[in-house]
Each structure stands twice: as C-alpha cells, then as structure tokens.
C-alpha cells in the first residue's frame, strides 16, 4: 500500500507486475482491469482494493472466459503471404458462387464449415 498526502493510496507499477491485466487508470488513484474493462479506485486501500476486485464474482466469470479463449492473433495471418492470397481467393470464390446462384449469405457459413470438415488437412479450408 502506498500512502501519500491525506492518507490516500496511489497506483503502483507493482500491481501490473503481479497481475498483468491490471494497468494504471486515468489518474494516480485508479487502476484499470483490462479483463472487466473497468476502473477501480485504489485511493482507500491500494493493493487491497485490487485484491477485492479480483475476488468479485463478476471478475472471476470474465477471467474464466478470457483464460479459455484463444488470442485473436492465432486466427490472423500475415499480410502479403501466399497463404493469405489463397485464403482470399477461396473466400471470394465461395462468395461469388453464393451471389451467382441467388443463395442466402447464411449458406456461406455452412459452406465454410463444411469445407473445413471435408478438407481438414488443408490450411486454406481451415481458415
């Protein structure tokens, strides 16, 4: 806990070192929980305020979701690669077929899922 004038606590960098999802807030008296996307006051009890937030049901639920999710970078591919060009060509071909035969765009979802199952050994079909 960090005490300053009038007994107020301030955000300390050690909070981020201990919890990577806790960042400095808009002021020295706030912390930002990246998982909950909310600001919490650390004015009264400092580190104990952060611990209290982490112990809440809402934070625990959101933390469980985040910890079981894959990072978006896993689904992204580098621009200007041969793989990207092939994936783009496959997506455009499928979209063209849907438009040409007056099918619904929701049928495109079915096609994409079906291709991923049928061609499971293909990186292009999987993406």
Foldseek 3Di string as FASTA:
>chain_A
DDQDPPRFDFADCVLCVVPVQWAHDPDRQWIARNLLRDIWGCTHPRPVSVVVVCPDPVNVVSVVVVVPDDDCVVVDDDPPDPLVVLLVVVLVVLVVVCVVVVHDPVVSVVVLVVQCVVPVVDPSSVD
